[in-house]
C-alpha cells in the first residue's frame, strides 16, 4: 500500500491547517489539526479507496493518529 495514497486522501479529506507533505509518517495528526469530524470523512474516503471497512474496534484515535498508524491498520484489514 502506498503511503502517498494515504497522504493524498488525507490532503483531500483531513481538513488539516498544515500541508500534509510537511508531516512525517509518524507525526501526530491530531496535533496537526485533525478533528473528530474530519476523521470520519477521512475514514470513509479510506474505506472507498482501499475497499475495506473499519470495524468498531478500529474506530479509535490511535488508528488515525498518524499516517503510519493508518497504513498499519489498512494492512491489517486487507491481510
PDB file of N, CA and C in Angstrom:
ATOM      1  N   UNK A   1       0.830  -1.173   0.000  1.00  0.00           N
ATOM      2  CA  UNK A   1       0.000   0.000   0.000  1.00  0.00           C
ATOM      3  C   UNK A   1       0.880   1.243   0.000  1.00  0.00           C
ATOM      4  N   UNK A   2       0.355   2.235  -0.606  1.00  0.00           N
ATOM      5  CA  UNK A   2       1.136   3.443  -0.783  1.00  0.00           C
ATOM      6  C   UNK A   2       0.847   4.483   0.300  1.00  0.00           C
ATOM      7  N   UNK A   3       1.908   4.883   0.980  1.00  0.00           N
ATOM      8  CA  UNK A   3       1.760   5.978   1.940  1.00  0.00           C
ATOM      9  C   UNK A   3       1.372   7.258   1.205  1.00  0.00           C
ATOM     10  N   UNK A   4       1.801   7.337  -0.057  1.00  0.00           N
ATOM     11  CA  UNK A   4       1.464   8.509  -0.870  1.00  0.00           C
ATOM     12  C   UNK A   4      -0.049   8.592  -1.091  1.00  0.00           C
ATOM     13  N   UNK A   5      -0.690   7.448  -1.307  1.00  0.00           N
ATOM     14  CA  UNK A   5      -2.146   7.423  -1.479  1.00  0.00           C
ATOM     15  C   UNK A   5      -2.837   7.895  -0.202  1.00  0.00           C
ATOM     16  N   UNK A   6      -2.349   7.447   0.933  1.00  0.00           N
ATOM     17  CA  UNK A   6      -2.917   7.884   2.216  1.00  0.00           C
ATOM     18  C   UNK A   6      -2.731   9.386   2.373  1.00  0.00           C
ATOM     19  N   UNK A   7      -1.575   9.889   2.005  1.00  0.00           N
ATOM     20  CA  UNK A   7      -1.314  11.338   2.084  1.00  0.00           C
ATOM     21  C   UNK A   7      -2.292  12.119   1.191  1.00  0.00           C
ATOM     22  N   UNK A   8      -2.535  11.615  -0.014  1.00  0.00           N
ATOM     23  CA  UNK A   8      -3.456  12.285  -0.927  1.00  0.00           C
ATOM     24  C   UNK A   8      -4.869  12.331  -0.333  1.00  0.00           C
ATOM     25  N   UNK A   9      -5.304  11.218   0.218  1.00  0.00           N
ATOM     26  CA  UNK A   9      -6.638  11.155   0.831  1.00  0.00           C
ATOM     27  C   UNK A   9      -6.694  12.076   2.046  1.00  0.00           C
ATOM     28  N   UNK A  10      -5.638  12.084   2.825  1.00  0.00           N
ATOM     29  CA  UNK A  10      -5.570  12.967   3.992  1.00  0.00           C
ATOM     30  C   UNK A  10      -5.626  14.439   3.567  1.00  0.00           C
ATOM     31  N   UNK A  11      -4.954  14.763   2.478  1.00  0.00           N
ATOM     32  CA  UNK A  11      -4.978  16.132   1.961  1.00  0.00           C
ATOM     33  C   UNK A  11      -6.403  16.529   1.560  1.00  0.00           C
ATOM     34  N   UNK A  12      -7.109  15.614   0.907  1.00  0.00           N
ATOM     35  CA  UNK A  12      -8.452  15.903   0.411  1.00  0.00           C
ATOM     36  C   UNK A  12      -9.512  15.907   1.509  1.00  0.00           C
ATOM     37  N   UNK A  13      -9.365  15.041   2.497  1.00  0.00           N
ATOM     38  CA  UNK A  13     -10.452  14.828   3.462  1.00  0.00           C
ATOM     39  C   UNK A  13     -10.107  15.166   4.911  1.00  0.00           C
ATOM     40  N   UNK A  14      -8.833  15.398   5.208  1.00  0.00           N
ATOM     41  CA  UNK A  14      -8.422  15.636   6.587  1.00  0.00           C
ATOM     42  C   UNK A  14      -8.644  17.051   7.087  1.00  0.00           C
ATOM     43  N   UNK A  15      -8.827  17.976   6.156  1.00  0.00           N
ATOM     44  CA  UNK A  15      -9.062  19.386   6.502  1.00  0.00           C
ATOM     45  C   UNK A  15      -7.997  19.932   7.463  1.00  0.00           C
ATOM     46  N   UNK A  16      -6.758  19.540   7.244  1.00  0.00           N
ATOM     47  CA  UNK A  16      -5.671  19.982   8.119  1.00  0.00           C
ATOM     48  C   UNK A  16      -5.238  21.405   7.765  1.00  0.00           C
ATOM     49  N   UNK A  17      -4.901  22.199   8.768  1.00  0.00           N
ATOM     50  CA  UNK A  17      -4.434  23.561   8.516  1.00  0.00           C
ATOM     51  C   UNK A  17      -2.964  23.621   8.087  1.00  0.00           C
ATOM     52  N   UNK A  18      -2.320  22.468   7.998  1.00  0.00           N
ATOM     53  CA  UNK A  18      -0.918  22.397   7.571  1.00  0.00           C
ATOM     54  C   UNK A  18      -0.832  21.570   6.289  1.00  0.00           C
ATOM     55  N   UNK A  19       0.247  21.751   5.559  1.00  0.00           N
ATOM     56  CA  UNK A  19       0.483  20.983   4.341  1.00  0.00           C
ATOM     57  C   UNK A  19       0.857  19.556   4.740  1.00  0.00           C
ATOM     58  N   UNK A  20       0.089  18.597   4.263  1.00  0.00           N
ATOM     59  CA  UNK A  20       0.320  17.192   4.610  1.00  0.00           C
ATOM     60  C   UNK A  20       1.721  16.752   4.189  1.00  0.00           C
ATOM     61  N   UNK A  21       2.243  17.345   3.122  1.00  0.00           N
ATOM     62  CA  UNK A  21       3.583  16.986   2.642  1.00  0.00           C
ATOM     63  C   UNK A  21       4.668  17.293   3.669  1.00  0.00           C
ATOM     64  N   UNK A  22       4.387  18.216   4.583  1.00  0.00           N
ATOM     65  CA  UNK A  22       5.391  18.593   5.578  1.00  0.00           C
ATOM     66  C   UNK A  22       5.394  17.667   6.794  1.00  0.00           C
ATOM     67  N   UNK A  23       4.425  16.766   6.863  1.00  0.00           N
ATOM     68  CA  UNK A  23       4.306  15.878   8.024  1.00  0.00           C
ATOM     69  C   UNK A  23       5.104  14.594   7.825  1.00  0.00           C
ATOM     70  N   UNK A  24       5.763  14.162   8.870  1.00  0.00           N
ATOM     71  CA  UNK A  24       6.447  12.861   8.845  1.00  0.00           C
ATOM     72  C   UNK A  24       5.391  11.766   8.944  1.00  0.00           C
ATOM     73  N   UNK A  25       5.754  10.559   8.538  1.00  0.00           N
ATOM     74  CA  UNK A  25       4.808   9.444   8.585  1.00  0.00           C
ATOM     75  C   UNK A  25       4.304   9.172  10.000  1.00  0.00           C
ATOM     76  N   UNK A  26       5.115   9.508  11.010  1.00  0.00           N
ATOM     77  CA  UNK A  26       4.717   9.249  12.391  1.00  0.00           C
ATOM     78  C   UNK A  26       4.260  10.510  13.136  1.00  0.00           C
ATOM     79  N   UNK A  27       4.059  11.609  12.400  1.00  0.00           N
ATOM     80  CA  UNK A  27       3.572  12.846  13.032  1.00  0.00           C
ATOM     81  C   UNK A  27       2.157  12.632  13.564  1.00  0.00           C
ATOM     82  N   UNK A  28       1.862  13.222  14.724  1.00  0.00           N
ATOM     83  CA  UNK A  28       0.535  13.132  15.320  1.00  0.00           C
ATOM     84  C   UNK A  28      -0.432  14.015  14.522  1.00  0.00           C
ATOM     85  N   UNK A  29      -1.372  13.388  13.855  1.00  0.00           N
ATOM     86  CA  UNK A  29      -2.301  14.124  13.006  1.00  0.00           C
ATOM     87  C   UNK A  29      -3.254  14.994  13.810  1.00  0.00           C
ATOM     88  N   UNK A  30      -3.554  14.585  15.029  1.00  0.00           N
ATOM     89  CA  UNK A  30      -4.437  15.389  15.875  1.00  0.00           C
ATOM     90  C   UNK A  30      -3.729  16.667  16.329  1.00  0.00           C
ATOM     91  N   UNK A  31      -2.433  16.555  16.620  1.00  0.00           N
ATOM     92  CA  UNK A  31      -1.652  17.759  16.940  1.00  0.00           C
ATOM     93  C   UNK A  31      -1.530  18.670  15.727  1.00  0.00           C
ATOM     94  N   UNK A  32      -1.612  18.073  14.534  1.00  0.00           N
ATOM     95  CA  UNK A  32      -1.518  18.854  13.299  1.00  0.00           C
ATOM     96  C   UNK A  32      -2.860  19.489  12.921  1.00  0.00           C
ATOM     97  N   UNK A  33      -3.924  19.167  13.680  1.00  0.00           N
ATOM     98  CA  UNK A  33      -5.211  19.822  13.442  1.00  0.00           C
ATOM     99  C   UNK A  33      -6.347  18.920  13.002  1.00  0.00           C
ATOM    100  N   UNK A  34      -6.127  17.607  12.953  1.00  0.00           N
ATOM    101  CA  UNK A  34      -7.207  16.691  12.578  1.00  0.00           C
ATOM    102  C   UNK A  34      -8.289  16.699  13.659  1.00  0.00           C
ATOM    103  N   UNK A  35      -9.531  16.868  13.241  1.00  0.00           N
ATOM    104  CA  UNK A  35     -10.656  16.877  14.188  1.00  0.00           C
ATOM    105  C   UNK A  35     -11.404  15.557  14.111  1.00  0.00           C
ATOM    106  N   UNK A  36     -12.261  15.324  15.087  1.00  0.00           N
ATOM    107  CA  UNK A  36     -13.041  14.083  15.072  1.00  0.00           C
ATOM    108  C   UNK A  36     -13.977  14.050  13.866  1.00  0.00           C
ATOM    109  N   UNK A  37     -14.531  15.191  13.484  1.00  0.00           N
ATOM    110  CA  UNK A  37     -15.408  15.245  12.313  1.00  0.00           C
ATOM    111  C   UNK A  37     -14.627  14.928  11.037  1.00  0.00           C
ATOM    112  N   UNK A  38     -13.453  15.493  10.901  1.00  0.00           N
ATOM    113  CA  UNK A  38     -12.621  15.224   9.725  1.00  0.00           C
ATOM    114  C   UNK A  38     -12.160  13.768   9.712  1.00  0.00           C
ATOM    115  N   UNK A  39     -11.998  13.174  10.890  1.00  0.00           N
ATOM    116  CA  UNK A  39     -11.593  11.769  10.969  1.00  0.00           C
ATOM    117  C   UNK A  39     -12.644  10.873  10.322  1.00  0.00           C
ATOM    118  N   UNK A  40     -13.916  11.200  10.528  1.00  0.00           N
ATOM    119  CA  UNK A  40     -14.998  10.412   9.923  1.00  0.00           C
ATOM    120  C   UNK A  40     -14.924  10.510   8.402  1.00  0.00           C
ATOM    121  N   UNK A  41     -14.745  11.701   7.885  1.00  0.00           N
ATOM    122  CA  UNK A  41     -14.620  11.905   6.443  1.00  0.00           C
ATOM    123  C   UNK A  41     -13.409  11.154   5.894  1.00  0.00           C
ATOM    124  N   UNK A  42     -12.306  11.237   6.616  1.00  0.00           N
ATOM    125  CA  UNK A  42     -11.075  10.532   6.235  1.00  0.00           C
ATOM    126  C   UNK A  42     -11.302   9.024   6.216  1.00  0.00           C
ATOM    127  N   UNK A  43     -11.949   8.510   7.254  1.00  0.00           N
ATOM    128  CA  UNK A  43     -12.205   7.075   7.354  1.00  0.00           C
ATOM    129  C   UNK A  43     -13.042   6.592   6.167  1.00  0.00           C
ATOM    130  N   UNK A  44     -14.099   7.309   5.835  1.00  0.00           N
ATOM    131  CA  UNK A  44     -14.963   6.917   4.722  1.00  0.00           C
ATOM    132  C   UNK A  44     -14.207   6.936   3.398  1.00  0.00           C
ATOM    133  N   UNK A  45     -13.360   7.935   3.201  1.00  0.00           N
ATOM    134  CA  UNK A  45     -12.561   8.015   1.977  1.00  0.00           C
ATOM    135  C   UNK A  45     -11.552   6.872   1.896  1.00  0.00           C
ATOM    136  N   UNK A  46     -10.952   6.528   3.022  1.00  0.00           N
ATOM    137  CA  UNK A  46     -10.004   5.411   3.051  1.00  0.00           C
ATOM    138  C   UNK A  46     -10.719   4.091   2.756  1.00  0.00           C
ATOM    139  N   UNK A  47     -11.913   3.917   3.315  1.00  0.00           N
ATOM    140  CA  UNK A  47     -12.685   2.698   3.056  1.00  0.00           C
ATOM    141  C   UNK A  47     -12.976   2.560   1.560  1.00  0.00           C
ATOM    142  N   UNK A  48     -13.378   3.657   0.928  1.00  0.00           N
ATOM    143  CA  UNK A  48     -13.658   3.627  -0.513  1.00  0.00           C
ATOM    144  C   UNK A  48     -12.400   3.345  -1.324  1.00  0.00           C
ATOM    145  N   UNK A  49     -11.318   4.016  -0.995  1.00  0.00           N
ATOM    146  CA  UNK A  49     -10.083   3.893  -1.772  1.00  0.00           C
ATOM    147  C   UNK A  49      -9.457   2.508  -1.674  1.00  0.00           C
ATOM    148  N   UNK A  50      -9.533   1.900  -0.490  1.00  0.00           N
ATOM    149  CA  UNK A  50      -8.856   0.620  -0.281  1.00  0.00           C
ATOM    150  C   UNK A  50      -9.816  -0.562  -0.213  1.00  0.00           C
ATOM    151  N   UNK A  51     -11.121  -0.301  -0.447  1.00  0.00           N
ATOM    152  CA  UNK A  51     -12.129  -1.349  -0.442  1.00  0.00           C
ATOM    153  C   UNK A  51     -12.089  -2.169   0.859  1.00  0.00           C
ATOM    154  N   UNK A  52     -12.133  -1.444   1.965  1.00  0.00           N
ATOM    155  CA  UNK A  52     -12.117  -2.052   3.290  1.00  0.00           C
ATOM    156  C   UNK A  52     -13.231  -1.433   4.122  1.00  0.00           C
ATOM    157  N   UNK A  53     -13.456  -2.012   5.293  1.00  0.00           N
ATOM    158  CA  UNK A  53     -14.369  -1.404   6.260  1.00  0.00           C
ATOM    159  C   UNK A  53     -13.708  -1.460   7.626  1.00  0.00           C
ATOM    160  N   UNK A  54     -13.607  -0.308   8.264  1.00  0.00           N
ATOM    161  CA  UNK A  54     -13.015  -0.271   9.599  1.00  0.00           C
ATOM    162  C   UNK A  54     -14.014  -0.825  10.601  1.00  0.00           C
ATOM    163  N   UNK A  55     -13.659  -1.916  11.300  1.00  0.00           N
ATOM    164  CA  UNK A  55     -14.566  -2.444  12.319  1.00  0.00           C
ATOM    165  C   UNK A  55     -14.587  -1.529  13.541  1.00  0.00           C
ATOM    166  N   UNK A  56     -15.563  -1.734  14.382  1.00  0.00           N
ATOM    167  CA  UNK A  56     -15.739  -0.869  15.549  1.00  0.00           C
ATOM    168  C   UNK A  56     -14.479  -0.793  16.414  1.00  0.00           C
ATOM    169  N   UNK A  57     -13.755  -1.900  16.541  1.00  0.00           N
ATOM    170  CA  UNK A  57     -12.556  -1.889  17.385  1.00  0.00           C
ATOM    171  C   UNK A  57     -11.412  -1.068  16.797  1.00  0.00           C
ATOM    172  N   UNK A  58     -11.545  -0.665  15.524  1.00  0.00           N
ATOM    173  CA  UNK A  58     -10.517   0.180  14.887  1.00  0.00           C
ATOM    174  C   UNK A  58     -10.927   1.658  14.862  1.00  0.00           C
ATOM    175  N   UNK A  59     -12.115   1.954  15.336  1.00  0.00           N
ATOM    176  CA  UNK A  59     -12.607   3.336  15.312  1.00  0.00           C
ATOM    177  C   UNK A  59     -12.141   4.062  16.562  1.00  0.00           C
ATOM    178  N   UNK A  60     -10.840   4.305  16.596  1.00  0.00           N
ATOM    179  CA  UNK A  60     -10.255   4.968  17.756  1.00  0.00           C
ATOM    180  C   UNK A  60      -9.238   6.004  17.297  1.00  0.00           C
ATOM    181  N   UNK A  61      -8.928   6.878  18.187  1.00  0.00           N
ATOM    182  CA  UNK A  61      -7.930   7.916  17.905  1.00  0.00           C
ATOM    183  C   UNK A  61      -6.598   7.278  17.510  1.00  0.00           C
ATOM    184  N   UNK A  62      -6.262   6.173  18.146  1.00  0.00           N
ATOM    185  CA  UNK A  62      -4.986   5.501  17.890  1.00  0.00           C
ATOM    186  C   UNK A  62      -4.859   5.063  16.421  1.00  0.00           C
ATOM    187  N   UNK A  63      -5.942   4.599  15.823  1.00  0.00           N
ATOM    188  CA  UNK A  63      -5.919   4.133  14.432  1.00  0.00           C
ATOM    189  C   UNK A  63      -5.582   5.251  13.468  1.00  0.00           C
ATOM    190  N   UNK A  64      -6.043   6.475  13.776  1.00  0.00           N
ATOM    191  CA  UNK A  64      -5.891   7.594  12.856  1.00  0.00           C
ATOM    192  C   UNK A  64      -4.890   8.641  13.335  1.00  0.00           C
ATOM    193  N   UNK A  65      -4.052   8.278  14.301  1.00  0.00           N
ATOM    194  CA  UNK A  65      -3.161   9.272  14.903  1.00  0.00           C
ATOM    195  C   UNK A  65      -1.984   9.661  14.015  1.00  0.00           C
ATOM    196  N   UNK A  66      -1.648   8.827  13.042  1.00  0.00           N
ATOM    197  CA  UNK A  66      -0.536   9.154  12.150  1.00  0.00           C
ATOM    198  C   UNK A  66      -0.726   8.441  10.818  1.00  0.00           C
ATOM    199  N   UNK A  67      -0.007   8.884   9.820  1.00  0.00           N
ATOM    200  CA  UNK A  67      -0.056   8.227   8.513  1.00  0.00           C
ATOM    201  C   UNK A  67       0.420   6.786   8.660  1.00  0.00           C
ATOM    202  N   UNK A  68       1.427   6.593   9.461  1.00  0.00           N
ATOM    203  CA  UNK A  68       1.969   5.262   9.724  1.00  0.00           C
ATOM    204  C   UNK A  68       0.912   4.360  10.374  1.00  0.00           C
ATOM    205  N   UNK A  69       0.182   4.881  11.362  1.00  0.00           N
ATOM    206  CA  UNK A  69      -0.856   4.106  12.053  1.00  0.00           C
ATOM    207  C   UNK A  69      -1.993   3.739  11.097  1.00  0.00           C
ATOM    208  N   UNK A  70      -2.361   4.675  10.234  1.00  0.00           N
ATOM    209  CA  UNK A  70      -3.408   4.404   9.249  1.00  0.00           C
ATOM    210  C   UNK A  70      -2.953   3.295   8.311  1.00  0.00           C
ATOM    211  N   UNK A  71      -1.723   3.379   7.851  1.00  0.00           N
ATOM    212  CA  UNK A  71      -1.171   2.373   6.955  1.00  0.00           C
ATOM    213  C   UNK A  71      -1.173   0.990   7.595  1.00  0.00           C
ATOM    214  N   UNK A  72      -0.756   0.922   8.849  1.00  0.00           N
ATOM    215  CA  UNK A  72      -0.726  -0.355   9.574  1.00  0.00           C
ATOM    216  C   UNK A  72      -2.133  -0.925   9.720  1.00  0.00           C
ATOM    217  N   UNK A  73      -3.109  -0.076  10.021  1.00  0.00           N
ATOM    218  CA  UNK A  73      -4.490  -0.535  10.181  1.00  0.00           C
ATOM    219  C   UNK A  73      -5.029  -1.075   8.859  1.00  0.00           C
ATOM    220  N   UNK A  74      -4.744  -0.372   7.774  1.00  0.00           N
ATOM    221  CA  UNK A  74      -5.217  -0.821   6.455  1.00  0.00           C
ATOM    222  C   UNK A  74      -4.567  -2.145   6.074  1.00  0.00           C
ATOM    223  N   UNK A  75      -3.282  -2.268   6.304  1.00  0.00           N
ATOM    224  CA  UNK A  75      -2.579  -3.515   6.017  1.00  0.00           C
ATOM    225  C   UNK A  75      -3.210  -4.676   6.784  1.00  0.00           C
ATOM    226  N   UNK A  76      -3.513  -4.437   8.042  1.00  0.00           N
ATOM    227  CA  UNK A  76      -4.123  -5.463   8.882  1.00  0.00           C
ATOM    228  C   UNK A  76      -5.505  -5.852   8.343  1.00  0.00           C
ATOM    229  N   UNK A  77      -6.283  -4.870   7.930  1.00  0.00           N
ATOM    230  CA  UNK A  77      -7.635  -5.140   7.444  1.00  0.00           C
ATOM    231  C   UNK A  77      -7.623  -5.823   6.072  1.00  0.00           C
ATOM    232  N   UNK A  78      -6.626  -5.520   5.278  1.00  0.00           N
ATOM    233  CA  UNK A  78      -6.523  -6.143   3.946  1.00  0.00           C
ATOM    234  C   UNK A  78      -5.927  -7.547   4.023  1.00  0.00           C
ATOM    235  N   UNK A  79      -5.173  -7.803   5.123  1.00  0.00           N
ATOM    236  CA  UNK A  79      -4.482  -9.068   5.280  1.00  0.00           C
ATOM    237  C   UNK A  79      -5.420 -10.205   5.432  1.00  0.00           C
TER     238      UNK A  79
END
